[in-house]
Amino acid sequence: MVVVDVQFPVRGNLIPVDHGYLLFSSLSHLIPELHGDDGVAVHQINGPLVGNRCRLVTDQSRLTIRLLSERIREILPLAGKSLSVGDHKVQVGVPYTKALVPSARLYSSLVVIKGFMEPAPFLEAARRQLDALEVKGVPHLVEQMHIQEANRHNETGSHSPVLRRTIRIRDKEIVGFALGVEELNAEESILLQEIGIGGRRRFGCGVFVPAGRP
């Protein structure tokens, strides 16, 4: 079994920054078989932040779906379709396939682990999930340097220096953190990209890519 990324170019204007649930809802409307499918991971559509909690859809923006290569045919009907993402729409182009590439350093912009909403317990829970996969890489929360600097000038140090994010799913706001994992060997790196950690992968959570990629 080989897991791959299938990337669809997209055209449009803006999309919400927090669009994981909205995007998957639109995808599963067009392909009902995806609904509730934990074997599929959907990356967030990439694009620069432009304010008002929106991203700009550019020529480099992609809808990327991670799944077993034998299932590619299931998602091919998305090509040429229009997806509603909240109040915005994107037009989906013709896809191409990319193999997962091993990297000693991986990154996920948002990992959610049920019941763990504070940095230290969350990091411990992430470590336990890596241990369960027999992945010996070193996890770390992603630090916000500007917050660290502000804390140096604030006696209380009241602002969290790590990147804490949320995703809205229906009427609930789910808390998680950006997470990096380092010192991975090639086998561990591919395994972590294939399986991820935490939940809500079909909404873009716990999806790992080589550090430095958009």
Protein backbone atom coordinates (compact mmCIF):
# COMPACT_ATOMS: atom_id res chain seq x y z
CA MET A 1 0.00 0.00 0.00
CA VAL A 2 1.40 3.37 -1.05
CA VAL A 3 0.08 6.67 0.31
CA VAL A 4 0.37 9.69 -2.01
CA ASP A 5 -0.69 13.31 -2.24
CA VAL A 6 -3.08 14.14 -5.07
CA GLN A 7 -2.85 17.84 -5.85
CA PHE A 8 -5.53 19.79 -7.70
CA PRO A 9 -4.76 23.34 -8.86
CA VAL A 10 -7.53 25.68 -7.76
CA ARG A 11 -8.73 29.03 -9.03
CA GLY A 12 -10.64 31.58 -7.01
CA ASN A 13 -10.30 34.74 -5.01
CA LEU A 14 -10.44 34.31 -1.23
CA ILE A 15 -11.07 31.49 1.22
CA PRO A 16 -11.42 31.61 5.01
CA VAL A 17 -8.23 30.86 6.95
CA ASP A 18 -10.22 28.35 9.04
CA HIS A 19 -11.69 26.32 6.17
CA GLY A 20 -10.90 22.69 7.00
CA TYR A 21 -14.42 21.66 8.00
CA LEU A 22 -16.05 23.78 5.29
CA LEU A 23 -13.80 22.32 2.62
CA PHE A 24 -14.37 18.70 3.63
CA SER A 25 -18.12 19.27 3.80
CA SER A 26 -18.03 20.48 0.20
CA LEU A 27 -15.83 17.57 -0.90
CA SER A 28 -18.06 14.96 0.74
CA HIS A 29 -21.12 16.57 -0.83
CA LEU A 30 -19.61 15.91 -4.27
CA ILE A 31 -18.15 12.51 -3.28
CA PRO A 32 -20.39 11.07 -0.53
CA GLU A 33 -18.02 8.12 0.02
CA LEU A 34 -15.59 10.52 1.71
CA HIS A 35 -18.00 11.37 4.51
CA GLY A 36 -16.65 10.02 7.81
CA ASP A 37 -13.65 8.45 6.05
CA ASP A 38 -10.66 8.47 8.42
CA GLY A 39 -8.41 7.02 5.71
CA VAL A 40 -8.30 10.35 3.88
CA ALA A 41 -6.41 13.46 4.95
CA VAL A 42 -7.08 16.83 3.33
CA HIS A 43 -4.43 19.53 3.51
CA GLN A 44 -5.48 23.13 4.03
CA ILE A 45 -5.52 25.06 0.74
CA ASN A 46 -2.37 27.16 0.74
CA GLY A 47 -2.17 30.89 0.04
CA PRO A 48 -0.96 34.12 1.62
CA LEU A 49 -2.87 35.70 4.50
CA VAL A 50 -4.60 38.91 3.46
CA GLY A 51 -6.43 39.96 6.63
CA ASN A 52 -10.05 39.65 7.70
CA ARG A 53 -9.30 35.97 8.46
CA CYS A 54 -8.93 35.14 4.78
CA ARG A 55 -6.33 33.63 2.45
CA LEU A 56 -5.73 34.67 -1.14
CA VAL A 57 -6.09 31.92 -3.74
CA THR A 58 -3.12 32.21 -6.12
CA ASP A 59 -1.62 30.28 -9.05
CA GLN A 60 0.35 28.27 -6.46
CA SER A 61 -2.69 27.31 -4.39
CA ARG A 62 -3.53 23.61 -4.32
CA LEU A 63 -6.24 21.35 -2.97
CA THR A 64 -4.22 18.36 -1.73
CA ILE A 65 -5.75 15.06 -0.68
CA ARG A 66 -3.60 12.36 0.92
CA LEU A 67 -4.81 8.79 0.43
CA LEU A 68 -3.86 5.32 -0.79
CA SER A 69 -2.79 5.34 -4.42
CA GLU A 70 -5.37 2.65 -5.24
CA ARG A 71 -8.10 5.13 -4.27
CA ILE A 72 -7.05 7.95 -6.60
CA ARG A 73 -9.85 7.15 -9.03
CA GLU A 74 -12.39 7.91 -6.31
CA ILE A 75 -11.46 11.59 -6.22
CA LEU A 76 -10.83 12.21 -9.92
CA PRO A 77 -14.45 13.44 -10.40
CA LEU A 78 -13.47 16.57 -8.44
CA ALA A 79 -11.62 17.88 -11.51
CA GLY A 80 -13.62 20.64 -13.17
CA LYS A 81 -15.98 21.05 -10.24
CA SER A 82 -16.71 24.18 -8.20
CA LEU A 83 -16.37 23.90 -4.43
CA SER A 84 -18.23 26.13 -1.99
CA VAL A 85 -15.98 27.00 0.96
CA GLY A 86 -18.17 29.04 3.27
CA ASP A 87 -19.23 32.13 1.31
CA HIS A 88 -16.45 31.62 -1.24
CA LYS A 89 -15.97 29.34 -4.23
CA VAL A 90 -12.94 27.71 -5.83
CA GLN A 91 -12.73 26.00 -9.21
CA VAL A 92 -10.85 22.69 -9.21
CA GLY A 93 -8.40 21.84 -11.99
CA VAL A 94 -6.81 18.64 -13.31
CA PRO A 95 -4.83 16.76 -10.63
CA TYR A 96 -1.37 15.30 -10.50
CA THR A 97 0.16 12.88 -8.01
CA LYS A 98 3.15 13.50 -5.72
CA ALA A 99 4.97 10.85 -3.74
CA LEU A 100 5.61 11.47 -0.05
CA VAL A 101 9.21 12.56 0.48
CA PRO A 102 11.16 11.61 3.62
CA SER A 103 12.52 14.50 5.66
CA ALA A 104 14.27 14.56 9.02
CA ARG A 105 12.04 17.48 10.02
CA LEU A 106 8.26 17.48 9.64
CA TYR A 107 5.65 20.09 10.49
CA SER A 108 1.90 20.21 10.97
CA SER A 109 0.20 23.59 11.18
CA LEU A 110 -2.47 22.22 13.53
CA VAL A 111 -2.62 19.02 15.59
CA VAL A 112 -5.60 18.37 17.85
CA ILE A 113 -5.59 15.72 20.57
CA LYS A 114 -8.87 15.35 22.41
CA GLY A 115 -8.68 16.49 26.02
CA PHE A 116 -5.30 18.26 25.70
CA MET A 117 -5.59 22.03 25.32
CA GLU A 118 -2.59 23.24 27.31
CA PRO A 119 0.96 23.20 25.91
CA ALA A 120 2.81 20.88 28.30
CA PRO A 121 0.16 18.12 28.57
CA PHE A 122 -0.43 18.36 24.81
CA LEU A 123 3.26 17.83 24.07
CA GLU A 124 3.34 14.81 26.40
CA ALA A 125 0.28 13.36 24.64
CA ALA A 126 1.92 13.90 21.25
CA ARG A 127 5.01 12.08 22.48
CA ARG A 128 2.88 9.12 23.59
CA GLN A 129 1.22 8.92 20.19
CA LEU A 130 4.61 8.96 18.48
CA ASP A 131 5.78 6.21 20.83
CA ALA A 132 2.74 4.13 19.88
CA LEU A 133 3.83 4.42 16.24
CA GLU A 134 7.42 3.56 17.25
CA VAL A 135 8.53 6.92 15.88
CA LYS A 136 11.54 8.14 17.84
CA GLY A 137 11.60 11.67 16.44
CA VAL A 138 11.59 14.62 18.85
CA PRO A 139 8.32 16.62 18.95
CA HIS A 140 8.27 20.31 19.80
CA LEU A 141 5.69 23.07 19.90
CA VAL A 142 6.27 25.86 17.41
CA GLU A 143 7.39 29.06 19.10
CA GLN A 144 6.29 32.56 18.14
CA MET A 145 9.39 34.67 18.36
CA HIS A 146 7.54 37.99 18.56
CA ILE A 147 5.58 36.72 21.57
CA GLN A 148 8.77 35.55 23.24
CA GLU A 149 10.23 39.00 22.78
CA ALA A 150 7.08 40.66 24.19
CA ASN A 151 7.24 38.38 27.24
CA ARG A 152 10.80 39.53 27.96
CA HIS A 153 9.43 43.03 28.47
CA ASN A 154 6.41 41.89 30.44
CA GLU A 155 7.02 40.85 34.04
CA THR A 156 4.08 38.45 34.02
CA GLY A 157 5.05 36.77 30.74
CA SER A 158 1.33 36.38 30.21
CA HIS A 159 1.31 35.54 26.50
CA SER A 160 1.88 31.97 25.34
CA PRO A 161 5.07 31.78 23.27
CA VAL A 162 3.83 28.74 21.31
CA LEU A 163 1.54 28.71 18.29
CA ARG A 164 -1.91 27.72 19.48
CA ARG A 165 -4.64 27.45 16.88
CA THR A 166 -8.30 26.53 16.62
CA ILE A 167 -10.58 24.95 14.05
CA ARG A 168 -14.34 25.48 13.98
CA ILE A 169 -16.36 22.33 13.39
CA ARG A 170 -20.06 23.06 13.17
CA ASP A 171 -20.72 25.15 16.28
CA LYS A 172 -17.65 24.05 18.25
CA GLU A 173 -14.18 25.52 18.35
CA ILE A 174 -11.48 22.84 18.72
CA VAL A 175 -8.11 23.84 20.21
CA GLY A 176 -4.76 22.51 19.04
CA PHE A 177 -1.16 23.49 18.39
CA ALA A 178 1.30 23.73 15.53
CA LEU A 179 3.75 20.87 15.98
CA GLY A 180 7.18 20.05 14.61
CA VAL A 181 8.94 16.67 14.81
CA GLU A 182 12.70 16.45 14.28
CA GLU A 183 15.46 13.82 14.13
CA LEU A 184 13.38 11.41 12.06
CA ASN A 185 14.86 8.67 9.94
CA ALA A 186 13.41 8.04 6.47
CA GLU A 187 11.06 5.24 7.53
CA GLU A 188 9.70 7.20 10.51
CA SER A 189 9.22 10.29 8.36
CA ILE A 190 7.13 8.48 5.75
CA LEU A 191 5.11 6.66 8.43
CA LEU A 192 4.27 9.90 10.23
CA GLN A 193 3.20 11.53 6.97
CA GLU A 194 1.04 8.51 6.13
CA ILE A 195 -0.69 8.17 9.51
CA GLY A 196 -0.26 11.49 11.34
CA ILE A 197 -1.20 11.96 14.97
CA GLY A 198 -4.23 13.40 16.70
CA GLY A 199 -7.67 13.55 15.13
CA ARG A 200 -9.64 15.41 12.47
CA ARG A 201 -7.19 14.65 9.65
CA ARG A 202 -9.93 14.92 7.05
CA PHE A 203 -10.31 18.54 8.17
CA GLY A 204 -6.59 19.26 7.76
CA CYS A 205 -5.41 18.53 11.31
CA GLY A 206 -2.39 16.34 12.07
CA VAL A 207 -1.25 16.36 8.43
CA PHE A 208 2.56 16.50 8.34
CA VAL A 209 4.75 17.87 5.56
CA PRO A 210 8.51 18.44 5.33
CA ALA A 211 9.39 21.54 7.38
CA GLY A 212 9.63 24.60 5.18
CA ARG A 213 6.91 23.55 2.73
CA PRO A 214 3.74 25.70 2.49
